[in-house]
């Protein structure tokens, strides 16, 4: 049987949720989600370069030790800007869903109702 069964209380399909390019997504949310994805990717890429030995003209030394983490960060930012791996999209959908949740207001005098 091909097709999916929607369960009660299940989240909406991804296609109906706001996308990162949707004008309904505030810039602050988009920026925070992309920054999170970039930091995550940077942490995942860093171990790939830790054991890399470079020698010769322009390679190795204290300079490379200092600048290699910056290069990894730029790689992660570049991956995120070119579409990323989908983490930012998920974060945007979750943050937008959280904004729609109504939080009951407490009485001004602090008394229980």
PDB file of N, CA and C in Angstrom:
ATOM      1  N   UNK A   1       0.837  -1.164   0.000  1.00  0.00           N
ATOM      2  CA  UNK A   1       0.000   0.000   0.000  1.00  0.00           C
ATOM      3  C   UNK A   1       0.887   1.235   0.000  1.00  0.00           C
ATOM      4  N   UNK A   2       0.711   2.090  -0.995  1.00  0.00           N
ATOM      5  CA  UNK A   2       1.504   3.313  -1.049  1.00  0.00           C
ATOM      6  C   UNK A   2       0.663   4.475  -0.575  1.00  0.00           C
ATOM      7  N   UNK A   3       1.166   5.255   0.247  1.00  0.00           N
ATOM      8  CA  UNK A   3       0.428   6.381   0.824  1.00  0.00           C
ATOM      9  C   UNK A   3       0.701   6.441   2.303  1.00  0.00           C
ATOM     10  N   UNK A   4       0.421   7.564   2.862  1.00  0.00           N
ATOM     11  CA  UNK A   4       0.693   7.719   4.281  1.00  0.00           C
ATOM     12  C   UNK A   4      -0.604   7.971   5.028  1.00  0.00           C
ATOM     13  N   UNK A   5      -0.607   7.582   6.260  1.00  0.00           N
ATOM     14  CA  UNK A   5      -1.762   7.762   7.123  1.00  0.00           C
ATOM     15  C   UNK A   5      -1.434   8.890   8.091  1.00  0.00           C
ATOM     16  N   UNK A   6      -2.309   9.887   8.159  1.00  0.00           N
ATOM     17  CA  UNK A   6      -2.096  11.007   9.071  1.00  0.00           C
ATOM     18  C   UNK A   6      -2.660  10.642  10.439  1.00  0.00           C
ATOM     19  N   UNK A   7      -1.828  10.687  11.439  1.00  0.00           N
ATOM     20  CA  UNK A   7      -2.241  10.396  12.800  1.00  0.00           C
ATOM     21  C   UNK A   7      -2.755  11.663  13.460  1.00  0.00           C
ATOM     22  N   UNK A   8      -3.752  11.544  14.340  1.00  0.00           N
ATOM     23  CA  UNK A   8      -4.233  12.729  15.050  1.00  0.00           C
ATOM     24  C   UNK A   8      -3.103  13.344  15.878  1.00  0.00           C
ATOM     25  N   UNK A   9      -2.973  14.639  15.804  1.00  0.00           N
ATOM     26  CA  UNK A   9      -1.941  15.337  16.574  1.00  0.00           C
ATOM     27  C   UNK A   9      -0.580  15.306  15.913  1.00  0.00           C
ATOM     28  N   UNK A  10      -0.465  14.650  14.745  1.00  0.00           N
ATOM     29  CA  UNK A  10       0.819  14.590  14.051  1.00  0.00           C
ATOM     30  C   UNK A  10       1.118  15.952  13.435  1.00  0.00           C
ATOM     31  N   UNK A  11       2.393  16.323  13.313  1.00  0.00           N
ATOM     32  CA  UNK A  11       2.733  17.610  12.725  1.00  0.00           C
ATOM     33  C   UNK A  11       2.316  17.659  11.255  1.00  0.00           C
ATOM     34  N   UNK A  12       2.131  18.863  10.753  1.00  0.00           N
ATOM     35  CA  UNK A  12       1.786  19.042   9.354  1.00  0.00           C
ATOM     36  C   UNK A  12       2.933  18.592   8.475  1.00  0.00           C
ATOM     37  N   UNK A  13       2.649  18.176   7.262  1.00  0.00           N
ATOM     38  CA  UNK A  13       3.731  17.825   6.344  1.00  0.00           C
ATOM     39  C   UNK A  13       4.649  19.018   6.134  1.00  0.00           C
ATOM     40  N   UNK A  14       5.888  18.735   5.828  1.00  0.00           N
ATOM     41  CA  UNK A  14       6.889  19.783   5.675  1.00  0.00           C
ATOM     42  C   UNK A  14       6.503  20.754   4.565  1.00  0.00           C
ATOM     43  N   UNK A  15       5.874  20.278   3.505  1.00  0.00           N
ATOM     44  CA  UNK A  15       5.545  21.141   2.376  1.00  0.00           C
ATOM     45  C   UNK A  15       4.591  22.273   2.761  1.00  0.00           C
ATOM     46  N   UNK A  16       3.766  22.111   3.792  1.00  0.00           N
ATOM     47  CA  UNK A  16       2.813  23.148   4.162  1.00  0.00           C
ATOM     48  C   UNK A  16       3.380  24.125   5.186  1.00  0.00           C
ATOM     49  N   UNK A  17       4.509  23.817   5.760  1.00  0.00           N
ATOM     50  CA  UNK A  17       5.117  24.693   6.757  1.00  0.00           C
ATOM     51  C   UNK A  17       5.866  25.824   6.049  1.00  0.00           C
ATOM     52  N   UNK A  18       6.062  26.978   6.724  1.00  0.00           N
ATOM     53  CA  UNK A  18       6.810  28.072   6.105  1.00  0.00           C
ATOM     54  C   UNK A  18       8.229  27.630   5.780  1.00  0.00           C
ATOM     55  N   UNK A  19       8.728  28.054   4.659  1.00  0.00           N
ATOM     56  CA  UNK A  19      10.086  27.728   4.263  1.00  0.00           C
ATOM     57  C   UNK A  19      10.999  28.897   4.597  1.00  0.00           C
ATOM     58  N   UNK A  20      12.312  28.676   4.634  1.00  0.00           N
ATOM     59  CA  UNK A  20      13.227  29.760   4.969  1.00  0.00           C
ATOM     60  C   UNK A  20      13.136  30.944   4.006  1.00  0.00           C
ATOM     61  N   UNK A  21      12.671  30.718   2.778  1.00  0.00           N
ATOM     62  CA  UNK A  21      12.575  31.811   1.822  1.00  0.00           C
ATOM     63  C   UNK A  21      11.205  32.468   1.849  1.00  0.00           C
ATOM     64  N   UNK A  22      10.294  31.956   2.666  1.00  0.00           N
ATOM     65  CA  UNK A  22       8.946  32.506   2.762  1.00  0.00           C
ATOM     66  C   UNK A  22       9.000  33.897   3.385  1.00  0.00           C
ATOM     67  N   UNK A  23       8.231  34.849   2.836  1.00  0.00           N
ATOM     68  CA  UNK A  23       8.246  36.199   3.409  1.00  0.00           C
ATOM     69  C   UNK A  23       7.618  36.252   4.803  1.00  0.00           C
ATOM     70  N   UNK A  24       6.902  35.198   5.213  1.00  0.00           N
ATOM     71  CA  UNK A  24       6.254  35.188   6.516  1.00  0.00           C
ATOM     72  C   UNK A  24       7.247  34.935   7.651  1.00  0.00           C
ATOM     73  N   UNK A  25       8.449  34.491   7.326  1.00  0.00           N
ATOM     74  CA  UNK A  25       9.458  34.192   8.346  1.00  0.00           C
ATOM     75  C   UNK A  25      10.232  35.468   8.674  1.00  0.00           C
ATOM     76  N   UNK A  26      10.175  35.923   9.934  1.00  0.00           N
ATOM     77  CA  UNK A  26      10.931  37.125  10.311  1.00  0.00           C
ATOM     78  C   UNK A  26      12.438  36.935  10.113  1.00  0.00           C
ATOM     79  N   UNK A  27      13.111  38.019   9.765  1.00  0.00           N
ATOM     80  CA  UNK A  27      14.552  37.969   9.522  1.00  0.00           C
ATOM     81  C   UNK A  27      15.331  37.484  10.738  1.00  0.00           C
ATOM     82  N   UNK A  28      14.870  37.844  11.946  1.00  0.00           N
ATOM     83  CA  UNK A  28      15.581  37.437  13.165  1.00  0.00           C
ATOM     84  C   UNK A  28      15.565  35.920  13.318  1.00  0.00           C
ATOM     85  N   UNK A  29      14.433  35.309  13.006  1.00  0.00           N
ATOM     86  CA  UNK A  29      14.328  33.845  13.113  1.00  0.00           C
ATOM     87  C   UNK A  29      15.200  33.178  12.062  1.00  0.00           C
ATOM     88  N   UNK A  30      15.141  33.691  10.846  1.00  0.00           N
ATOM     89  CA  UNK A  30      15.963  33.117   9.776  1.00  0.00           C
ATOM     90  C   UNK A  30      17.446  33.227  10.125  1.00  0.00           C
ATOM     91  N   UNK A  31      17.858  34.386  10.604  1.00  0.00           N
ATOM     92  CA  UNK A  31      19.266  34.612  10.946  1.00  0.00           C
ATOM     93  C   UNK A  31      19.717  33.680  12.073  1.00  0.00           C
ATOM     94  N   UNK A  32      18.884  33.548  13.116  1.00  0.00           N
ATOM     95  CA  UNK A  32      19.242  32.676  14.240  1.00  0.00           C
ATOM     96  C   UNK A  32      19.339  31.221  13.799  1.00  0.00           C
ATOM     97  N   UNK A  33      18.413  30.772  12.961  1.00  0.00           N
ATOM     98  CA  UNK A  33      18.417  29.386  12.500  1.00  0.00           C
ATOM     99  C   UNK A  33      19.639  29.098  11.631  1.00  0.00           C
ATOM    100  N   UNK A  34      19.971  30.026  10.745  1.00  0.00           N
ATOM    101  CA  UNK A  34      21.137  29.833   9.888  1.00  0.00           C
ATOM    102  C   UNK A  34      22.432  29.891  10.684  1.00  0.00           C
ATOM    103  N   UNK A  35      22.478  30.759  11.683  1.00  0.00           N
ATOM    104  CA  UNK A  35      23.671  30.828  12.528  1.00  0.00           C
ATOM    105  C   UNK A  35      23.857  29.532  13.312  1.00  0.00           C
ATOM    106  N   UNK A  36      22.760  28.982  13.825  1.00  0.00           N
ATOM    107  CA  UNK A  36      22.836  27.712  14.547  1.00  0.00           C
ATOM    108  C   UNK A  36      23.343  26.611  13.626  1.00  0.00           C
ATOM    109  N   UNK A  37      22.805  26.540  12.405  1.00  0.00           N
ATOM    110  CA  UNK A  37      23.252  25.514  11.460  1.00  0.00           C
ATOM    111  C   UNK A  37      24.729  25.681  11.138  1.00  0.00           C
ATOM    112  N   UNK A  38      25.165  26.918  10.979  1.00  0.00           N
ATOM    113  CA  UNK A  38      26.565  27.185  10.672  1.00  0.00           C
ATOM    114  C   UNK A  38      27.480  26.743  11.809  1.00  0.00           C
ATOM    115  N   UNK A  39      27.097  27.035  13.049  1.00  0.00           N
ATOM    116  CA  UNK A  39      27.903  26.616  14.212  1.00  0.00           C
ATOM    117  C   UNK A  39      27.935  25.090  14.297  1.00  0.00           C
ATOM    118  N   UNK A  40      26.787  24.456  14.088  1.00  0.00           N
ATOM    119  CA  UNK A  40      26.718  22.994  14.118  1.00  0.00           C
ATOM    120  C   UNK A  40      27.638  22.391  13.051  1.00  0.00           C
ATOM    121  N   UNK A  41      27.549  22.900  11.831  1.00  0.00           N
ATOM    122  CA  UNK A  41      28.392  22.385  10.756  1.00  0.00           C
ATOM    123  C   UNK A  41      29.871  22.611  11.048  1.00  0.00           C
ATOM    124  N   UNK A  42      30.192  23.743  11.631  1.00  0.00           N
ATOM    125  CA  UNK A  42      31.582  24.023  11.993  1.00  0.00           C
ATOM    126  C   UNK A  42      32.100  22.988  12.983  1.00  0.00           C
ATOM    127  N   UNK A  43      31.272  22.651  13.971  1.00  0.00           N
ATOM    128  CA  UNK A  43      31.671  21.634  14.958  1.00  0.00           C
ATOM    129  C   UNK A  43      31.818  20.258  14.316  1.00  0.00           C
ATOM    130  N   UNK A  44      31.013  19.964  13.306  1.00  0.00           N
ATOM    131  CA  UNK A  44      31.090  18.671  12.638  1.00  0.00           C
ATOM    132  C   UNK A  44      32.269  18.602  11.667  1.00  0.00           C
ATOM    133  N   UNK A  45      32.636  19.734  11.071  1.00  0.00           N
ATOM    134  CA  UNK A  45      33.750  19.753  10.121  1.00  0.00           C
ATOM    135  C   UNK A  45      35.120  19.794  10.807  1.00  0.00           C
ATOM    136  N   UNK A  46      35.197  20.379  11.986  1.00  0.00           N
ATOM    137  CA  UNK A  46      36.480  20.577  12.672  1.00  0.00           C
ATOM    138  C   UNK A  46      37.297  19.295  12.821  1.00  0.00           C
ATOM    139  N   UNK A  47      36.708  18.163  13.235  1.00  0.00           N
ATOM    140  CA  UNK A  47      37.523  16.951  13.387  1.00  0.00           C
ATOM    141  C   UNK A  47      38.153  16.461  12.077  1.00  0.00           C
ATOM    142  N   UNK A  48      37.579  16.828  10.939  1.00  0.00           N
ATOM    143  CA  UNK A  48      38.151  16.412   9.657  1.00  0.00           C
ATOM    144  C   UNK A  48      39.527  17.035   9.435  1.00  0.00           C
ATOM    145  N   UNK A  49      39.757  18.190  10.023  1.00  0.00           N
ATOM    146  CA  UNK A  49      40.998  18.913   9.785  1.00  0.00           C
ATOM    147  C   UNK A  49      42.006  18.780  10.925  1.00  0.00           C
ATOM    148  N   UNK A  50      41.620  18.180  12.035  1.00  0.00           N
ATOM    149  CA  UNK A  50      42.524  18.109  13.198  1.00  0.00           C
ATOM    150  C   UNK A  50      43.784  17.294  12.935  1.00  0.00           C
ATOM    151  N   UNK A  51      43.670  16.192  12.260  1.00  0.00           N
ATOM    152  CA  UNK A  51      44.836  15.336  12.034  1.00  0.00           C
ATOM    153  C   UNK A  51      45.571  15.635  10.750  1.00  0.00           C
ATOM    154  N   UNK A  52      45.157  16.662  10.028  1.00  0.00           N
ATOM    155  CA  UNK A  52      45.751  16.996   8.747  1.00  0.00           C
ATOM    156  C   UNK A  52      47.115  17.639   8.958  1.00  0.00           C
ATOM    157  N   UNK A  53      48.153  17.027   8.411  1.00  0.00           N
ATOM    158  CA  UNK A  53      49.518  17.548   8.528  1.00  0.00           C
ATOM    159  C   UNK A  53      49.870  18.294   7.251  1.00  0.00           C
ATOM    160  N   UNK A  54      50.329  19.532   7.384  1.00  0.00           N
ATOM    161  CA  UNK A  54      50.744  20.302   6.215  1.00  0.00           C
ATOM    162  C   UNK A  54      52.138  20.833   6.460  1.00  0.00           C
ATOM    163  N   UNK A  55      52.969  20.691   5.470  1.00  0.00           N
ATOM    164  CA  UNK A  55      54.333  21.209   5.522  1.00  0.00           C
ATOM    165  C   UNK A  55      54.627  21.897   4.198  1.00  0.00           C
ATOM    166  N   UNK A  56      55.741  22.534   4.146  1.00  0.00           N
ATOM    167  CA  UNK A  56      56.149  23.161   2.898  1.00  0.00           C
ATOM    168  C   UNK A  56      55.850  24.637   2.890  1.00  0.00           C
ATOM    169  N   UNK A  57      55.995  25.229   1.730  1.00  0.00           N
ATOM    170  CA  UNK A  57      55.829  26.657   1.558  1.00  0.00           C
ATOM    171  C   UNK A  57      54.399  27.085   1.879  1.00  0.00           C
ATOM    172  N   UNK A  58      54.244  27.921   2.875  1.00  0.00           N
ATOM    173  CA  UNK A  58      52.942  28.445   3.251  1.00  0.00           C
ATOM    174  C   UNK A  58      52.097  27.503   4.073  1.00  0.00           C
ATOM    175  N   UNK A  59      52.570  26.321   4.387  1.00  0.00           N
ATOM    176  CA  UNK A  59      51.767  25.368   5.139  1.00  0.00           C
ATOM    177  C   UNK A  59      52.373  25.093   6.501  1.00  0.00           C
ATOM    178  N   UNK A  60      51.536  24.727   7.422  1.00  0.00           N
ATOM    179  CA  UNK A  60      51.996  24.347   8.748  1.00  0.00           C
ATOM    180  C   UNK A  60      52.337  25.525   9.628  1.00  0.00           C
ATOM    181  N   UNK A  61      52.855  25.210  10.789  1.00  0.00           N
ATOM    182  CA  UNK A  61      53.293  26.235  11.706  1.00  0.00           C
ATOM    183  C   UNK A  61      52.184  26.819  12.553  1.00  0.00           C
ATOM    184  N   UNK A  62      52.568  27.800  13.355  1.00  0.00           N
ATOM    185  CA  UNK A  62      51.641  28.439  14.285  1.00  0.00           C
ATOM    186  C   UNK A  62      50.558  29.220  13.544  1.00  0.00           C
ATOM    187  N   UNK A  63      50.906  29.778  12.389  1.00  0.00           N
ATOM    188  CA  UNK A  63      49.924  30.531  11.608  1.00  0.00           C
ATOM    189  C   UNK A  63      48.754  29.674  11.186  1.00  0.00           C
ATOM    190  N   UNK A  64      49.057  28.482  10.727  1.00  0.00           N
ATOM    191  CA  UNK A  64      47.976  27.594  10.311  1.00  0.00           C
ATOM    192  C   UNK A  64      47.159  27.138  11.506  1.00  0.00           C
ATOM    193  N   UNK A  65      47.801  26.901  12.624  1.00  0.00           N
ATOM    194  CA  UNK A  65      47.065  26.521  13.836  1.00  0.00           C
ATOM    195  C   UNK A  65      46.066  27.603  14.234  1.00  0.00           C
ATOM    196  N   UNK A  66      46.461  28.850  14.031  1.00  0.00           N
ATOM    197  CA  UNK A  66      45.581  29.968  14.394  1.00  0.00           C
ATOM    198  C   UNK A  66      44.448  30.130  13.388  1.00  0.00           C
ATOM    199  N   UNK A  67      44.740  30.017  12.106  1.00  0.00           N
ATOM    200  CA  UNK A  67      43.753  30.335  11.078  1.00  0.00           C
ATOM    201  C   UNK A  67      42.897  29.158  10.626  1.00  0.00           C
ATOM    202  N   UNK A  68      43.303  27.929  10.916  1.00  0.00           N
ATOM    203  CA  UNK A  68      42.510  26.776  10.472  1.00  0.00           C
ATOM    204  C   UNK A  68      41.089  26.783  11.045  1.00  0.00           C
ATOM    205  N   UNK A  69      40.876  27.061  12.340  1.00  0.00           N
ATOM    206  CA  UNK A  69      39.493  27.122  12.839  1.00  0.00           C
ATOM    207  C   UNK A  69      38.650  28.182  12.126  1.00  0.00           C
ATOM    208  N   UNK A  70      39.274  29.307  11.750  1.00  0.00           N
ATOM    209  CA  UNK A  70      38.535  30.333  11.015  1.00  0.00           C
ATOM    210  C   UNK A  70      38.141  29.833   9.629  1.00  0.00           C
ATOM    211  N   UNK A  71      39.027  29.080   8.992  1.00  0.00           N
ATOM    212  CA  UNK A  71      38.727  28.522   7.685  1.00  0.00           C
ATOM    213  C   UNK A  71      37.565  27.529   7.780  1.00  0.00           C
ATOM    214  N   UNK A  72      37.574  26.702   8.813  1.00  0.00           N
ATOM    215  CA  UNK A  72      36.478  25.744   9.012  1.00  0.00           C
ATOM    216  C   UNK A  72      35.162  26.487   9.231  1.00  0.00           C
ATOM    217  N   UNK A  73      35.181  27.571   9.991  1.00  0.00           N
ATOM    218  CA  UNK A  73      33.972  28.376  10.194  1.00  0.00           C
ATOM    219  C   UNK A  73      33.459  28.940   8.879  1.00  0.00           C
ATOM    220  N   UNK A  74      34.366  29.404   8.021  1.00  0.00           N
ATOM    221  CA  UNK A  74      33.957  29.960   6.723  1.00  0.00           C
ATOM    222  C   UNK A  74      33.390  28.856   5.828  1.00  0.00           C
ATOM    223  N   UNK A  75      33.963  27.653   5.889  1.00  0.00           N
ATOM    224  CA  UNK A  75      33.395  26.530   5.138  1.00  0.00           C
ATOM    225  C   UNK A  75      31.961  26.281   5.591  1.00  0.00           C
ATOM    226  N   UNK A  76      31.741  26.253   6.903  1.00  0.00           N
ATOM    227  CA  UNK A  76      30.406  25.997   7.448  1.00  0.00           C
ATOM    228  C   UNK A  76      29.434  27.091   7.029  1.00  0.00           C
ATOM    229  N   UNK A  77      29.856  28.349   7.086  1.00  0.00           N
ATOM    230  CA  UNK A  77      28.993  29.455   6.668  1.00  0.00           C
ATOM    231  C   UNK A  77      28.655  29.349   5.184  1.00  0.00           C
ATOM    232  N   UNK A  78      29.630  28.951   4.384  1.00  0.00           N
ATOM    233  CA  UNK A  78      29.406  28.803   2.954  1.00  0.00           C
ATOM    234  C   UNK A  78      28.399  27.686   2.664  1.00  0.00           C
ATOM    235  N   UNK A  79      28.522  26.584   3.367  1.00  0.00           N
ATOM    236  CA  UNK A  79      27.574  25.479   3.200  1.00  0.00           C
ATOM    237  C   UNK A  79      26.170  25.935   3.587  1.00  0.00           C
ATOM    238  N   UNK A  80      26.063  26.661   4.684  1.00  0.00           N
ATOM    239  CA  UNK A  80      24.761  27.149   5.136  1.00  0.00           C
ATOM    240  C   UNK A  80      24.151  28.107   4.122  1.00  0.00           C
ATOM    241  N   UNK A  81      24.943  29.051   3.601  1.00  0.00           N
ATOM    242  CA  UNK A  81      24.437  30.018   2.621  1.00  0.00           C
ATOM    243  C   UNK A  81      23.995  29.351   1.319  1.00  0.00           C
ATOM    244  N   UNK A  82      24.614  28.236   0.973  1.00  0.00           N
ATOM    245  CA  UNK A  82      24.260  27.573  -0.281  1.00  0.00           C
ATOM    246  C   UNK A  82      23.151  26.539  -0.113  1.00  0.00           C
ATOM    247  N   UNK A  83      22.435  26.596   0.988  1.00  0.00           N
ATOM    248  CA  UNK A  83      21.290  25.712   1.181  1.00  0.00           C
ATOM    249  C   UNK A  83      21.405  24.831   2.412  1.00  0.00           C
ATOM    250  N   UNK A  84      22.597  24.659   2.915  1.00  0.00           N
ATOM    251  CA  UNK A  84      22.796  23.894   4.147  1.00  0.00           C
ATOM    252  C   UNK A  84      22.402  22.439   4.038  1.00  0.00           C
ATOM    253  N   UNK A  85      22.159  21.849   5.197  1.00  0.00           N
ATOM    254  CA  UNK A  85      21.792  20.435   5.264  1.00  0.00           C
ATOM    255  C   UNK A  85      20.380  20.252   5.815  1.00  0.00           C
ATOM    256  N   UNK A  86      19.650  21.341   5.998  1.00  0.00           N
ATOM    257  CA  UNK A  86      18.261  21.255   6.434  1.00  0.00           C
ATOM    258  C   UNK A  86      18.023  21.553   7.899  1.00  0.00           C
ATOM    259  N   UNK A  87      19.064  21.791   8.648  1.00  0.00           N
ATOM    260  CA  UNK A  87      18.900  22.073  10.073  1.00  0.00           C
ATOM    261  C   UNK A  87      18.195  23.410  10.270  1.00  0.00           C
ATOM    262  N   UNK A  88      18.610  24.424   9.511  1.00  0.00           N
ATOM    263  CA  UNK A  88      17.995  25.750   9.645  1.00  0.00           C
ATOM    264  C   UNK A  88      16.508  25.691   9.303  1.00  0.00           C
ATOM    265  N   UNK A  89      16.146  24.911   8.283  1.00  0.00           N
ATOM    266  CA  UNK A  89      14.730  24.785   7.917  1.00  0.00           C
ATOM    267  C   UNK A  89      13.915  24.214   9.071  1.00  0.00           C
ATOM    268  N   UNK A  90      14.448  23.187   9.714  1.00  0.00           N
ATOM    269  CA  UNK A  90      13.747  22.571  10.846  1.00  0.00           C
ATOM    270  C   UNK A  90      13.615  23.539  12.012  1.00  0.00           C
ATOM    271  N   UNK A  91      14.657  24.293  12.271  1.00  0.00           N
ATOM    272  CA  UNK A  91      14.630  25.255  13.372  1.00  0.00           C
ATOM    273  C   UNK A  91      13.617  26.363  13.080  1.00  0.00           C
ATOM    274  N   UNK A  92      13.582  26.830  11.838  1.00  0.00           N
ATOM    275  CA  UNK A  92      12.618  27.867  11.466  1.00  0.00           C
ATOM    276  C   UNK A  92      11.200  27.359  11.674  1.00  0.00           C
ATOM    277  N   UNK A  93      10.913  26.147  11.215  1.00  0.00           N
ATOM    278  CA  UNK A  93       9.561  25.600  11.395  1.00  0.00           C
ATOM    279  C   UNK A  93       9.198  25.491  12.871  1.00  0.00           C
ATOM    280  N   UNK A  94      10.146  25.041  13.699  1.00  0.00           N
ATOM    281  CA  UNK A  94       9.870  24.880  15.130  1.00  0.00           C
ATOM    282  C   UNK A  94       9.677  26.234  15.808  1.00  0.00           C
ATOM    283  N   UNK A  95      10.513  27.213  15.483  1.00  0.00           N
ATOM    284  CA  UNK A  95      10.371  28.538  16.082  1.00  0.00           C
ATOM    285  C   UNK A  95       9.062  29.199  15.657  1.00  0.00           C
ATOM    286  N   UNK A  96       8.677  29.013  14.416  1.00  0.00           N
ATOM    287  CA  UNK A  96       7.398  29.569  13.950  1.00  0.00           C
ATOM    288  C   UNK A  96       6.232  28.879  14.660  1.00  0.00           C
ATOM    289  N   UNK A  97       6.331  27.573  14.861  1.00  0.00           N
ATOM    290  CA  UNK A  97       5.285  26.848  15.573  1.00  0.00           C
ATOM    291  C   UNK A  97       5.203  27.324  17.014  1.00  0.00           C
ATOM    292  N   UNK A  98       6.346  27.554  17.642  1.00  0.00           N
ATOM    293  CA  UNK A  98       6.369  28.015  19.024  1.00  0.00           C
ATOM    294  C   UNK A  98       5.760  29.410  19.151  1.00  0.00           C
ATOM    295  N   UNK A  99       5.938  30.249  18.149  1.00  0.00           N
ATOM    296  CA  UNK A  99       5.353  31.593  18.190  1.00  0.00           C
ATOM    297  C   UNK A  99       3.838  31.539  18.136  1.00  0.00           C
ATOM    298  N   UNK A 100       3.297  30.519  17.489  1.00  0.00           N
ATOM    299  CA  UNK A 100       1.851  30.398  17.374  1.00  0.00           C
ATOM    300  C   UNK A 100       1.206  29.855  18.639  1.00  0.00           C
ATOM    301  N   UNK A 101       1.988  29.250  19.534  1.00  0.00           N
ATOM    302  CA  UNK A 101       1.466  28.696  20.773  1.00  0.00           C
ATOM    303  C   UNK A 101       1.054  29.822  21.698  1.00  0.00           C
ATOM    304  N   UNK A 102      -0.153  29.732  22.225  1.00  0.00           N
ATOM    305  CA  UNK A 102      -0.673  30.761  23.120  1.00  0.00           C
ATOM    306  C   UNK A 102      -0.281  30.412  24.550  1.00  0.00           C
ATOM    307  N   UNK A 103       0.347  31.363  25.216  1.00  0.00           N
ATOM    308  CA  UNK A 103       0.734  31.180  26.613  1.00  0.00           C
ATOM    309  C   UNK A 103      -0.269  31.951  27.461  1.00  0.00           C
ATOM    310  N   UNK A 104      -0.930  31.268  28.408  1.00  0.00           N
ATOM    311  CA  UNK A 104      -1.918  31.976  29.231  1.00  0.00           C
ATOM    312  C   UNK A 104      -1.249  33.067  30.066  1.00  0.00           C
ATOM    313  N   UNK A 105      -1.910  34.195  30.139  1.00  0.00           N
ATOM    314  CA  UNK A 105      -1.371  35.315  30.922  1.00  0.00           C
ATOM    315  C   UNK A 105      -1.694  35.129  32.391  1.00  0.00           C
ATOM    316  N   UNK A 106      -0.735  35.526  33.239  1.00  0.00           N
ATOM    317  CA  UNK A 106      -0.938  35.461  34.684  1.00  0.00           C
ATOM    318  C   UNK A 106      -1.597  36.760  35.141  1.00  0.00           C
ATOM    319  N   UNK A 107      -2.427  36.690  36.181  1.00  0.00           N
ATOM    320  CA  UNK A 107      -3.025  37.923  36.716  1.00  0.00           C
ATOM    321  C   UNK A 107      -1.947  38.888  37.189  1.00  0.00           C
ATOM    322  N   UNK A 108      -2.211  40.172  37.065  1.00  0.00           N
ATOM    323  CA  UNK A 108      -1.230  41.191  37.442  1.00  0.00           C
ATOM    324  C   UNK A 108      -0.905  41.173  38.925  1.00  0.00           C
ATOM    325  N   UNK A 109      -1.877  40.745  39.771  1.00  0.00           N
ATOM    326  CA  UNK A 109      -1.629  40.752  41.206  1.00  0.00           C
ATOM    327  C   UNK A 109      -0.951  39.472  41.701  1.00  0.00           C
ATOM    328  N   UNK A 110      -0.710  38.508  40.788  1.00  0.00           N
ATOM    329  CA  UNK A 110      -0.017  37.278  41.169  1.00  0.00           C
ATOM    330  C   UNK A 110      -0.922  36.236  41.822  1.00  0.00           C
ATOM    331  N   UNK A 111      -2.202  36.514  41.963  1.00  0.00           N
ATOM    332  CA  UNK A 111      -3.124  35.574  42.598  1.00  0.00           C
ATOM    333  C   UNK A 111      -3.534  34.482  41.605  1.00  0.00           C
ATOM    334  N   UNK A 112      -3.779  33.291  42.142  1.00  0.00           N
ATOM    335  CA  UNK A 112      -4.268  32.190  41.313  1.00  0.00           C
ATOM    336  C   UNK A 112      -5.728  32.396  41.011  1.00  0.00           C
ATOM    337  N   UNK A 113      -6.165  31.955  39.893  1.00  0.00           N
ATOM    338  CA  UNK A 113      -7.593  32.049  39.529  1.00  0.00           C
ATOM    339  C   UNK A 113      -8.229  30.714  39.674  1.00  0.00           C
TER     340      UNK A 113
END
